[in-house]
Amino acid sequence: MMKLASAEQMRAGDRLAMEIFGIPGPVLMENAGRAVVEVMAHRYGLAGEGEIAVLAGPGNNGGDALVIARHLQQLGARPWVVLLVEPERLQGDAALNLQILRQLPVSLEVVTEVEQWQALQDRLQASRLAVDGIFGTGLSRELSGRFQVAVELLNRFPGPVIAVDAPSGLDSDHGRVLGAAVRADCTVTFALAKPGLVTFPGRAWAGTVEVVDIGIPPAVYDRLAPFKELLTAAELAPWLPRRRPVDHKGSFGHLLLLAGSRGMTGAALLAARGALRSGVGLVSACVPRDLLVIFATAWPELMTVALPNSPLAAGAEDLATVQAALAGKSALVLGPGLGTAPATAELVRQLYRTPGELQIPQVLDADALNIMAAAPDLLTEPPGPRVLTPHPGEMARLLGMATAEVQENRWQAAAELAGRHGVWVVLKGAGTVIAAPDGQLAVSPTGNPGMAAGGMGDVLAGLIGGLLAQGMGPWQAACLGAYAHGLAGDLLAAAGGLEFGFTASELADRLPAAFGSFTKI
């Protein structure tokens, strides 16, 4: 998986590279600036008419921008620099690069007051490329004054905007926009990608993200762990269950579903559909007695177990029936369309906590999560692996906070729930976050707005349950399931040319194609 480094980790990495390996700061800055120019040359070309505007801020990001301007000039381009700080206030490596740049025929304008932009904005808008080297990573306050005006001008710029390390105004750790941020066409980030560039909303502001080497030795990264990670198909592909000619249906597990109630049979059937498309050998469902005919006739491949004491919703009176059904099963999915009646809630809690056969992995989704949210202490120290798949609202109930707080820092919310209760968490949404109880964190880059439709989460719960039933560990099943689920949605959007109009059933049926794409890597 691709490592994602926080601003603090990258500052530490720079420091270690200099202190332990003796790499001077100016060398790292030189490598960074040159790498940005190489990306610019490859993506946009440097030949031709028109100036390239380079906006430089007060810190090391501004120093990177000055190096960029120098290399552009040496390659025959026509850069001009807007320095957004008094020259004498630059320090260290940035001051050194300003001194070098002043020896070259590069136009340098200094803007320290908002009013000074008036004379420069026409020249900026007439440039063919613009470089955002104002702040980069690590910004923790909202922009104001001349810096905010600079961002606003860049966002009205008609040509491509290249951000240096991170778009200015974007919190590179969490992807939050700090009042205003540069909307880049391409972000060239140094050494390692940053979490805020690959999670929303930051992902929408970063544009295409290019990660470039600036000469930090790999041994430095061992000292900075743990990292958040970005899921990639190349690293997930080896996790796919492999099949031999002698394998049979019993080789790939047997999943049990406890899902569905009156009016919500569709959720259970979608979970079953996701499971059936996961590659699991067998799928059975415990269903309310009076709803049996719906399940028995929906999918010929789905086996059913009627709950004799539960006419329209599963209840604790049928705990023994469910426990008997668990014999020989390799995983359990609880929750889609289950309802939250008191008897149902008691059944869910019993199944979650009871040892014995229930040491098998479980996936909790939808109503099962809402039930456990009413008594969250029961989540702690389960007798077997538990994977929770909340959407932001369900996560908020589990943590006792507002949904907006969850969305404000999805990484932290997922990590907190996983660590507090010893469970694995799949926080659904734009940029699904996966968290393990040992602190591992990852994000999936797949998925699109067309998946904002009913039933998508039910399919995901069944899919992860099916992967668990095949013997995958909870971390692998959660990561592979989230990535493949989003990829199936992306395949549908690409096929239709639109990011809407497809259904959860169609997505489930596209899962084999999503898995198939892994084998081509």
Protein backbone atom coordinates (compact mmCIF):
# COMPACT_ATOMS: atom_id res chain seq x y z
CA MET A 1 0.00 0.00 0.00
CA MET A 2 1.12 3.57 -0.56
CA LYS A 3 2.32 5.24 2.63
CA LEU A 4 0.64 8.51 3.61
CA ALA A 5 2.67 10.86 5.79
CA SER A 6 1.38 13.61 8.04
CA ALA A 7 2.93 17.07 7.95
CA GLU A 8 4.60 16.32 11.28
CA GLN A 9 6.07 13.07 9.95
CA MET A 10 7.45 14.84 6.89
CA ARG A 11 9.06 17.56 9.01
CA ALA A 12 10.63 14.82 11.09
CA GLY A 13 11.75 13.04 7.93
CA ASP A 14 13.49 16.16 6.64
CA ARG A 15 15.18 16.62 10.00
CA LEU A 16 16.37 13.00 10.17
CA ALA A 17 17.68 13.13 6.61
CA MET A 18 19.78 16.13 7.55
CA GLU A 19 20.87 15.08 11.04
CA ILE A 20 21.49 11.36 10.58
CA PHE A 21 22.38 11.06 6.91
CA GLY A 22 24.02 14.45 6.54
CA ILE A 23 21.92 15.56 3.57
CA PRO A 24 21.94 19.38 3.59
CA GLY A 25 18.61 21.20 3.58
CA PRO A 26 19.47 23.09 0.37
CA VAL A 27 19.98 19.74 -1.39
CA LEU A 28 16.49 18.55 -0.40
CA MET A 29 15.02 21.88 -1.53
CA GLU A 30 16.93 21.70 -4.80
CA ASN A 31 15.70 18.16 -5.43
CA ALA A 32 12.13 19.19 -4.66
CA GLY A 33 12.12 22.15 -7.00
CA ARG A 34 13.76 20.25 -9.82
CA ALA A 35 11.27 17.39 -9.46
CA VAL A 36 8.34 19.79 -9.78
CA VAL A 37 9.79 21.25 -12.97
CA GLU A 38 10.23 17.74 -14.40
CA VAL A 39 6.56 17.02 -13.78
CA MET A 40 5.57 20.35 -15.33
CA ALA A 41 7.68 19.63 -18.40
CA HIS A 42 6.19 16.18 -18.81
CA ARG A 43 2.57 17.19 -18.27
CA TYR A 44 2.38 20.64 -19.83
CA GLY A 45 5.60 21.29 -21.73
CA LEU A 46 7.84 24.28 -21.15
CA ALA A 47 8.37 25.46 -24.71
CA GLY A 48 6.16 28.05 -26.33
CA GLU A 49 5.03 31.56 -25.64
CA GLY A 50 3.61 32.90 -22.44
CA GLU A 51 4.92 33.45 -18.95
CA ILE A 52 4.76 31.06 -16.01
CA ALA A 53 3.64 32.69 -12.78
CA VAL A 54 5.37 31.37 -9.66
CA LEU A 55 3.80 32.42 -6.35
CA ALA A 56 6.19 32.03 -3.41
CA GLY A 57 5.24 32.20 0.25
CA PRO A 58 7.22 32.93 3.41
CA GLY A 59 8.54 29.45 4.33
CA ASN A 60 10.24 26.45 2.78
CA ASN A 61 7.38 26.03 0.32
CA GLY A 62 8.27 29.48 -0.96
CA GLY A 63 11.90 28.37 -1.15
CA ASP A 64 10.84 25.40 -3.29
CA ALA A 65 9.02 27.85 -5.56
CA LEU A 66 12.18 29.95 -5.99
CA VAL A 67 14.10 26.84 -7.03
CA ILE A 68 11.32 26.04 -9.50
CA ALA A 69 11.57 29.51 -11.04
CA ARG A 70 15.35 29.13 -11.43
CA HIS A 71 15.09 25.77 -13.17
CA LEU A 72 12.31 27.03 -15.43
CA GLN A 73 14.51 29.92 -16.52
CA GLN A 74 17.48 27.63 -17.14
CA LEU A 75 15.32 25.41 -19.36
CA GLY A 76 14.28 28.37 -21.54
CA ALA A 77 10.84 29.06 -20.04
CA ARG A 78 9.73 32.53 -18.93
CA PRO A 79 8.98 32.43 -15.20
CA TRP A 80 8.10 35.46 -13.12
CA VAL A 81 7.88 35.36 -9.35
CA VAL A 82 5.43 36.93 -6.93
CA LEU A 83 7.01 36.89 -3.47
CA LEU A 84 4.33 37.23 -0.79
CA VAL A 85 6.69 38.30 2.00
CA GLU A 86 9.34 40.98 2.49
CA PRO A 87 12.58 39.55 1.05
CA GLU A 88 14.52 40.21 4.24
CA ARG A 89 12.08 38.02 6.20
CA LEU A 90 13.04 34.89 4.30
CA GLN A 91 15.32 32.63 6.31
CA GLY A 92 17.61 29.66 5.83
CA ASP A 93 17.39 27.70 2.60
CA ALA A 94 14.65 29.93 1.18
CA ALA A 95 16.78 33.05 1.70
CA LEU A 96 19.72 31.31 0.02
CA ASN A 97 17.63 30.49 -3.05
CA LEU A 98 16.30 34.04 -3.26
CA GLN A 99 19.90 35.28 -3.30
CA ILE A 100 20.70 32.91 -6.17
CA LEU A 101 17.57 33.80 -8.12
CA ARG A 102 18.34 37.53 -7.94
CA GLN A 103 21.45 36.91 -10.04
CA LEU A 104 19.28 35.64 -12.91
CA PRO A 105 17.08 37.54 -15.38
CA VAL A 106 13.85 36.52 -13.63
CA SER A 107 11.18 39.13 -12.90
CA LEU A 108 10.52 39.39 -9.15
CA GLU A 109 7.50 41.22 -7.72
CA VAL A 110 6.95 41.62 -3.98
CA VAL A 111 3.39 41.71 -2.61
CA THR A 112 3.00 42.51 1.08
CA GLU A 113 -0.31 44.39 0.89
CA VAL A 114 -3.64 43.37 -0.64
CA GLU A 115 -3.70 46.51 -2.79
CA GLN A 116 -0.50 45.53 -4.58
CA TRP A 117 -2.32 42.67 -6.31
CA GLN A 118 -4.27 45.20 -8.38
CA ALA A 119 -1.28 45.94 -10.58
CA LEU A 120 -0.37 42.27 -11.06
CA GLN A 121 -3.61 40.39 -11.55
CA ASP A 122 -3.83 41.04 -15.30
CA ARG A 123 -0.30 39.71 -15.77
CA LEU A 124 -1.17 36.67 -13.68
CA GLN A 125 -4.29 35.91 -15.69
CA ALA A 126 -2.33 36.25 -18.95
CA SER A 127 0.27 33.65 -17.89
CA ARG A 128 0.00 30.16 -19.35
CA LEU A 129 0.87 28.21 -16.19
CA ALA A 130 0.78 29.06 -12.50
CA VAL A 131 2.72 27.53 -9.61
CA ASP A 132 1.31 27.60 -6.08
CA GLY A 133 4.28 27.69 -3.72
CA ILE A 134 2.61 29.79 -1.04
CA PHE A 135 2.25 27.44 1.95
CA GLY A 136 2.11 23.72 1.09
CA THR A 137 1.74 21.29 4.00
CA GLY A 138 1.37 22.01 7.67
CA LEU A 139 -0.93 25.03 7.48
CA SER A 140 -3.26 25.08 10.49
CA ARG A 141 -4.98 28.46 10.25
CA GLU A 142 -7.33 30.09 7.79
CA LEU A 143 -5.81 32.28 5.12
CA SER A 144 -6.40 36.00 5.11
CA GLY A 145 -5.14 39.21 3.53
CA ARG A 146 -2.80 39.00 0.55
CA PHE A 147 -2.56 35.22 0.87
CA GLN A 148 -6.32 34.77 0.56
CA VAL A 149 -6.37 37.11 -2.44
CA ALA A 150 -3.59 35.08 -4.04
CA VAL A 151 -5.63 31.90 -3.61
CA GLU A 152 -8.73 33.56 -5.08
CA LEU A 153 -6.73 34.76 -8.09
CA LEU A 154 -5.27 31.31 -8.67
CA ASN A 155 -8.76 29.82 -8.54
CA ARG A 156 -9.80 32.19 -11.33
CA PHE A 157 -6.68 31.43 -13.33
CA PRO A 158 -7.64 30.12 -16.80
CA GLY A 159 -4.66 27.78 -17.24
CA PRO A 160 -3.29 24.82 -15.27
CA VAL A 161 -2.29 25.40 -11.65
CA ILE A 162 0.48 23.25 -10.15
CA ALA A 163 0.54 23.03 -6.34
CA VAL A 164 3.88 22.46 -4.60
CA ASP A 165 3.59 19.65 -2.01
CA ALA A 166 -0.05 20.57 -1.20
CA PRO A 167 -2.55 23.22 -2.37
CA SER A 168 -2.20 26.28 -0.17
CA GLY A 169 -5.11 26.59 2.25
CA LEU A 170 -5.67 22.83 2.42
CA ASP A 171 -5.06 20.93 5.64
CA SER A 172 -2.80 18.21 4.25
CA ASP A 173 -3.46 15.89 7.19
CA HIS A 174 -7.26 15.85 7.06
CA GLY A 175 -8.24 17.32 3.69
CA ARG A 176 -10.11 20.25 5.24
CA VAL A 177 -10.25 23.58 3.44
CA LEU A 178 -9.06 26.30 5.79
CA GLY A 179 -11.41 29.03 4.66
CA ALA A 180 -10.06 29.12 1.10
CA ALA A 181 -7.70 26.82 -0.78
CA VAL A 182 -6.08 26.58 -4.19
CA ARG A 183 -7.92 24.24 -6.53
CA ALA A 184 -4.97 22.67 -8.33
CA ASP A 185 -4.91 20.77 -11.59
CA CYS A 186 -1.88 18.85 -10.38
CA THR A 187 -0.21 18.58 -6.98
CA VAL A 188 3.43 17.51 -6.90
CA THR A 189 4.02 16.20 -3.41
CA PHE A 190 7.37 15.26 -1.93
CA ALA A 191 8.65 11.86 -0.77
CA LEU A 192 5.29 10.45 0.38
CA ALA A 193 1.68 11.28 -0.39
CA LYS A 194 -0.27 13.20 2.26
CA PRO A 195 -3.60 11.98 3.72
CA GLY A 196 -5.47 15.17 2.87
CA LEU A 197 -4.61 14.83 -0.81
CA VAL A 198 -6.33 11.46 -1.22
CA THR A 199 -9.37 11.89 1.07
CA PHE A 200 -12.30 14.19 0.51
CA PRO A 201 -12.77 17.08 0.37
CA GLY A 202 -9.03 17.57 -0.19
CA ARG A 203 -8.92 15.06 -3.01
CA ALA A 204 -11.15 17.35 -5.07
CA TRP A 205 -8.77 20.30 -4.54
CA ALA A 206 -5.51 18.48 -5.17
CA GLY A 207 -6.24 17.40 -8.74
CA THR A 208 -3.87 14.76 -10.07
CA VAL A 209 -1.34 13.88 -7.37
CA GLU A 210 2.25 13.11 -8.40
CA VAL A 211 4.59 11.78 -5.69
CA VAL A 212 8.25 12.57 -6.39
CA ASP A 213 11.50 11.47 -4.77
CA ILE A 214 13.58 14.25 -3.22
CA GLY A 215 16.42 12.09 -1.90
CA ILE A 216 15.22 11.13 1.59
CA PRO A 217 16.72 7.67 2.31
CA PRO A 218 14.13 4.89 2.76
CA ALA A 219 15.64 4.08 6.16
CA VAL A 220 14.20 7.36 7.42
CA TYR A 221 10.66 6.07 6.91
CA ASP A 222 11.26 3.14 9.26
CA ARG A 223 11.75 5.66 12.05
CA LEU A 224 8.54 7.53 11.23
CA ALA A 225 6.06 4.61 11.29
CA PRO A 226 3.21 3.97 11.62
CA PHE A 227 1.83 5.52 8.47
CA LYS A 228 -1.66 5.81 7.15
CA GLU A 229 -1.91 3.95 3.84
CA LEU A 230 -3.62 4.35 0.49
CA LEU A 231 -4.99 1.08 -0.88
CA THR A 232 -3.67 0.13 -4.31
CA ALA A 233 -4.74 -2.70 -6.59
CA ALA A 234 -1.16 -3.89 -7.06
CA GLU A 235 -0.71 -4.54 -3.36
CA LEU A 236 -4.19 -5.95 -2.81
CA ALA A 237 -4.03 -8.39 -5.73
CA PRO A 238 -1.99 -11.06 -3.87
CA TRP A 239 -4.71 -11.19 -1.20
CA LEU A 240 -7.32 -12.53 -3.61
CA PRO A 241 -8.31 -16.11 -2.74
CA ARG A 242 -6.63 -18.48 -5.20
CA ARG A 243 -8.42 -21.48 -6.67
CA ARG A 244 -6.96 -24.85 -7.59
CA PRO A 245 -8.50 -27.34 -10.03
CA VAL A 246 -9.24 -29.72 -7.15
CA ASP A 247 -11.12 -27.12 -5.05
CA HIS A 248 -14.87 -27.42 -4.46
CA LYS A 249 -17.57 -25.28 -2.83
CA GLY A 250 -16.55 -26.47 0.61
CA SER A 251 -13.07 -25.05 0.03
CA PHE A 252 -14.32 -21.47 0.11
CA GLY A 253 -16.34 -21.22 3.28
CA HIS A 254 -19.97 -20.99 4.30
CA LEU A 255 -21.42 -17.61 5.29
CA LEU A 256 -24.49 -17.12 7.47
CA LEU A 257 -26.63 -13.98 7.22
CA LEU A 258 -28.98 -12.73 9.90
CA ALA A 259 -30.77 -9.91 8.13
CA GLY A 260 -34.12 -8.67 6.93
CA SER A 261 -37.50 -7.91 8.48
CA ARG A 262 -40.93 -6.84 7.27
CA GLY A 263 -40.48 -4.05 4.72
CA MET A 264 -36.68 -4.50 4.69
CA THR A 265 -36.17 -7.79 2.92
CA GLY A 266 -34.38 -5.96 0.11
CA ALA A 267 -31.47 -5.03 2.38
CA ALA A 268 -30.96 -8.66 3.34
CA LEU A 269 -31.16 -9.82 -0.27
CA LEU A 270 -28.61 -7.22 -1.35
CA ALA A 271 -26.24 -8.43 1.37
CA ALA A 272 -26.76 -11.95 0.08
CA ARG A 273 -26.08 -10.80 -3.45
CA GLY A 274 -22.83 -9.14 -2.39
CA ALA A 275 -21.82 -12.30 -0.57
CA LEU A 276 -22.66 -14.56 -3.49
CA ARG A 277 -20.48 -12.41 -5.74
CA SER A 278 -17.55 -12.52 -3.30
CA GLY A 279 -16.43 -16.01 -4.27
CA VAL A 280 -17.67 -17.67 -1.07
CA GLY A 281 -18.65 -21.31 -1.49
CA LEU A 282 -22.05 -21.25 0.25
CA VAL A 283 -24.43 -18.63 1.69
CA SER A 284 -27.30 -19.31 4.10
CA ALA A 285 -29.73 -16.84 5.66
CA CYS A 286 -31.69 -17.06 8.91
CA VAL A 287 -34.97 -15.30 8.10
CA PRO A 288 -38.27 -14.51 9.84
CA ARG A 289 -40.78 -17.32 9.44
CA ASP A 290 -43.45 -15.42 7.51
CA LEU A 291 -40.88 -13.92 5.12
CA LEU A 292 -39.35 -17.24 4.16
CA VAL A 293 -41.04 -17.43 0.77
CA ILE A 294 -39.50 -14.10 -0.28
CA PHE A 295 -35.98 -15.30 0.47
CA ALA A 296 -36.49 -18.82 -0.80
CA THR A 297 -37.56 -17.59 -4.23
CA ALA A 298 -35.18 -14.61 -4.60
CA TRP A 299 -31.87 -16.32 -5.35
CA PRO A 300 -31.68 -20.01 -6.15
CA GLU A 301 -28.14 -20.03 -4.77
CA LEU A 302 -29.23 -18.73 -1.33
CA MET A 303 -30.11 -21.33 1.30
CA THR A 304 -32.55 -20.37 4.05
CA VAL A 305 -33.26 -21.23 7.67
CA ALA A 306 -36.68 -20.18 8.98
CA LEU A 307 -36.86 -18.69 12.48
CA PRO A 308 -39.98 -20.44 13.89
CA ASN A 309 -40.64 -17.99 16.74
CA SER A 310 -40.00 -14.83 14.74
CA PRO A 311 -42.81 -14.14 12.25
CA LEU A 312 -41.70 -10.76 10.85
CA ALA A 313 -38.42 -9.85 12.57
CA ALA A 314 -35.70 -11.97 14.17
CA GLY A 315 -35.94 -12.18 17.95
CA ALA A 316 -34.09 -13.61 20.95
CA GLU A 317 -36.66 -16.45 21.13
CA ASP A 318 -34.80 -17.98 18.18
CA LEU A 319 -31.29 -17.70 19.59
CA ALA A 320 -31.01 -21.50 19.74
CA THR A 321 -32.07 -21.81 16.08
CA VAL A 322 -29.44 -19.29 15.01
CA GLN A 323 -26.77 -20.95 17.11
CA ALA A 324 -27.61 -24.30 15.53
CA ALA A 325 -27.41 -22.72 12.09
CA LEU A 326 -23.94 -21.41 12.91
CA ALA A 327 -22.55 -24.94 13.09
CA GLY A 328 -20.09 -25.37 10.25
CA LYS A 329 -20.23 -21.71 9.22
CA SER A 330 -17.06 -19.67 8.79
CA ALA A 331 -18.45 -16.13 9.17
CA LEU A 332 -21.63 -14.26 10.16
CA VAL A 333 -23.17 -11.03 8.83
CA LEU A 334 -25.55 -9.22 11.17
CA GLY A 335 -27.79 -6.27 10.53
CA PRO A 336 -28.94 -5.30 7.03
CA GLY A 337 -32.68 -4.63 7.27
CA LEU A 338 -32.84 -6.44 10.62
CA GLY A 339 -34.86 -3.86 12.56
CA THR A 340 -34.28 -2.67 16.11
CA ALA A 341 -37.21 -4.12 18.08
CA PRO A 342 -36.30 -5.07 21.67
CA ALA A 343 -36.33 -8.81 20.93
CA THR A 344 -34.14 -8.26 17.87
CA ALA A 345 -31.74 -6.11 19.87
CA GLU A 346 -31.41 -8.81 22.51
CA LEU A 347 -30.64 -11.41 19.85
CA VAL A 348 -27.93 -9.24 18.28
CA ARG A 349 -26.26 -8.59 21.62
CA GLN A 350 -26.34 -12.27 22.51
CA LEU A 351 -24.77 -13.24 19.20
CA TYR A 352 -22.09 -10.57 19.49
CA ARG A 353 -21.02 -11.57 23.00
CA THR A 354 -21.59 -15.33 23.13
CA PRO A 355 -18.39 -17.42 22.91
CA GLY A 356 -18.12 -20.89 21.40
CA GLU A 357 -19.07 -21.05 17.74
CA LEU A 358 -19.36 -17.27 17.73
CA GLN A 359 -15.61 -16.87 17.85
CA ILE A 360 -15.96 -16.91 14.06
CA PRO A 361 -15.64 -13.49 12.38
CA GLN A 362 -18.72 -11.28 12.28
CA VAL A 363 -19.66 -8.25 10.18
CA LEU A 364 -22.00 -5.76 11.86
CA ASP A 365 -23.87 -3.35 9.62
CA ALA A 366 -26.94 -1.08 9.66
CA ASP A 367 -29.43 -2.03 12.40
CA ALA A 368 -26.89 -4.19 14.22
CA LEU A 369 -24.73 -1.08 14.62
CA ASN A 370 -27.66 0.99 15.85
CA ILE A 371 -28.50 -1.70 18.37
CA MET A 372 -24.94 -1.81 19.70
CA ALA A 373 -24.77 2.00 19.79
CA ALA A 374 -27.41 1.96 22.53
CA ALA A 375 -24.98 0.00 24.74
CA PRO A 376 -21.53 0.60 23.21
CA ASP A 377 -19.64 -0.92 26.16
CA LEU A 378 -20.85 -4.31 24.93
CA LEU A 379 -18.67 -3.87 21.85
CA THR A 380 -15.46 -4.11 23.86
CA GLU A 381 -13.33 -7.27 23.86
CA PRO A 382 -15.53 -9.46 21.66
CA PRO A 383 -14.87 -13.21 21.70
CA GLY A 384 -13.87 -13.21 18.02
CA PRO A 385 -12.99 -10.83 15.15
CA ARG A 386 -15.63 -8.16 14.53
CA VAL A 387 -15.80 -5.88 11.48
CA LEU A 388 -18.08 -2.85 11.84
CA THR A 389 -19.19 -1.07 8.65
CA PRO A 390 -20.86 2.21 9.70
CA HIS A 391 -21.81 5.16 7.56
CA PRO A 392 -21.04 8.55 9.18
CA GLY A 393 -24.40 8.76 10.97
CA GLU A 394 -24.00 5.31 12.48
CA MET A 395 -20.42 6.12 13.43
CA ALA A 396 -21.62 9.24 15.21
CA ARG A 397 -24.07 7.19 17.28
CA LEU A 398 -21.39 4.63 18.14
CA LEU A 399 -19.03 7.36 19.35
CA GLY A 400 -21.64 9.64 20.90
CA MET A 401 -20.84 12.64 18.74
CA ALA A 402 -22.36 14.63 15.88
CA THR A 403 -22.12 13.39 12.30
CA ALA A 404 -20.36 16.63 11.34
CA GLU A 405 -17.64 15.85 13.89
CA VAL A 406 -17.11 12.44 12.32
CA GLN A 407 -16.80 13.96 8.86
CA GLU A 408 -14.45 16.63 10.17
CA ASN A 409 -11.86 13.96 10.94
CA ARG A 410 -12.79 10.59 9.52
CA TRP A 411 -9.34 9.12 10.23
CA GLN A 412 -9.57 9.92 13.92
CA ALA A 413 -13.15 8.69 14.26
CA ALA A 414 -12.37 5.32 12.68
CA ALA A 415 -9.18 4.89 14.71
CA GLU A 416 -10.95 5.80 17.95
CA LEU A 417 -13.76 3.27 17.48
CA ALA A 418 -11.35 0.50 16.47
CA GLY A 419 -8.94 1.13 19.30
CA ARG A 420 -11.58 1.65 21.98
CA HIS A 421 -13.36 -1.65 21.37
CA GLY A 422 -10.79 -3.92 19.73
CA VAL A 423 -12.68 -4.15 16.43
CA TRP A 424 -12.02 -3.49 12.76
CA VAL A 425 -13.88 -0.51 11.29
CA VAL A 426 -14.89 0.34 7.72
CA LEU A 427 -16.12 3.95 7.79
CA LYS A 428 -18.07 4.28 4.57
CA GLY A 429 -18.30 7.41 2.45
CA ALA A 430 -16.19 9.37 -0.01
CA GLY A 431 -12.78 7.92 0.75
CA THR A 432 -13.76 4.89 2.83
CA VAL A 433 -11.44 4.62 5.86
CA ILE A 434 -10.41 1.24 7.27
CA ALA A 435 -9.07 1.03 10.83
CA ALA A 436 -7.66 -1.89 12.82
CA PRO A 437 -7.44 -2.19 16.60
CA ASP A 438 -3.63 -2.13 16.45
CA GLY A 439 -3.66 1.36 14.91
CA GLN A 440 -3.39 0.46 11.22
CA LEU A 441 -5.24 2.95 9.04
CA ALA A 442 -5.94 2.90 5.31
CA VAL A 443 -8.17 4.68 2.83
CA SER A 444 -9.67 3.41 -0.40
CA PRO A 445 -9.42 5.67 -3.47
CA THR A 446 -12.20 3.87 -5.36
CA GLY A 447 -15.87 4.80 -5.60
CA ASN A 448 -17.89 7.69 -7.00
CA PRO A 449 -21.04 9.76 -6.28
CA GLY A 450 -23.22 7.29 -8.17
CA MET A 451 -22.85 4.99 -5.17
CA ALA A 452 -24.85 7.41 -3.04
CA ALA A 453 -27.91 5.19 -3.40
CA GLY A 454 -29.83 2.76 -1.23
CA GLY A 455 -28.45 -0.71 -0.69
CA MET A 456 -24.79 -0.06 -1.49
CA GLY A 457 -23.75 -0.61 2.11
CA ASP A 458 -25.71 -3.86 2.30
CA VAL A 459 -23.75 -5.20 -0.66
CA LEU A 460 -20.50 -4.20 1.05
CA ALA A 461 -21.44 -5.98 4.28
CA GLY A 462 -22.19 -9.19 2.38
CA LEU A 463 -19.00 -8.85 0.35
CA ILE A 464 -16.77 -8.45 3.41
CA GLY A 465 -18.60 -11.32 5.11
CA GLY A 466 -17.98 -13.53 2.07
CA LEU A 467 -14.27 -12.71 2.10
CA LEU A 468 -14.05 -13.50 5.81
CA ALA A 469 -15.85 -16.79 5.22
CA GLN A 470 -13.17 -17.73 2.69
CA GLY A 471 -10.54 -17.47 5.40
CA MET A 472 -9.23 -13.95 4.94
CA GLY A 473 -8.23 -12.00 8.04
CA PRO A 474 -10.40 -9.04 9.06
CA TRP A 475 -7.89 -6.42 7.91
CA GLN A 476 -7.49 -8.02 4.51
CA ALA A 477 -11.23 -8.62 4.05
CA ALA A 478 -12.07 -5.05 5.04
CA CYS A 479 -9.45 -3.48 2.76
CA LEU A 480 -10.06 -5.75 -0.23
CA GLY A 481 -13.84 -5.51 0.18
CA ALA A 482 -13.87 -1.70 0.37
CA TYR A 483 -11.57 -1.34 -2.63
CA ALA A 484 -13.39 -3.88 -4.83
CA HIS A 485 -16.79 -2.45 -3.88
CA GLY A 486 -15.75 1.06 -4.96
CA LEU A 487 -14.06 -0.28 -8.08
CA ALA A 488 -17.25 -2.06 -9.13
CA GLY A 489 -19.02 1.29 -8.85
CA ASP A 490 -16.31 2.94 -10.92
CA LEU A 491 -16.67 0.29 -13.63
CA LEU A 492 -20.42 0.97 -13.78
CA ALA A 493 -19.89 4.71 -14.00
CA ALA A 494 -17.33 4.27 -16.77
CA ALA A 495 -19.62 1.93 -18.71
CA GLY A 496 -22.55 4.33 -18.55
CA GLY A 497 -20.57 7.54 -18.84
CA LEU A 498 -22.40 8.94 -15.80
CA GLU A 499 -21.82 8.86 -12.05
CA PHE A 500 -25.45 8.09 -11.28
CA GLY A 501 -28.32 5.88 -12.34
CA PHE A 502 -26.95 2.47 -11.39
CA THR A 503 -28.25 0.35 -8.53
CA ALA A 504 -26.80 -1.69 -5.69
CA SER A 505 -27.88 -4.89 -7.43
CA GLU A 506 -25.98 -3.89 -10.55
CA LEU A 507 -22.93 -3.06 -8.46
CA ALA A 508 -22.99 -6.47 -6.80
CA ASP A 509 -23.12 -8.12 -10.21
CA ARG A 510 -20.09 -6.10 -11.32
CA LEU A 511 -17.93 -7.39 -8.45
CA PRO A 512 -16.47 -10.32 -10.45
CA ALA A 513 -15.28 -7.85 -13.10
CA ALA A 514 -13.73 -5.72 -10.36
CA PHE A 515 -11.90 -8.71 -8.96
CA GLY A 516 -10.93 -9.69 -12.49
CA SER A 517 -9.16 -6.38 -12.98
CA PHE A 518 -6.82 -7.29 -10.13
CA THR A 519 -5.54 -10.31 -12.04
CA LYS A 520 -4.41 -8.09 -14.94
CA ILE A 521 -1.93 -6.17 -12.80
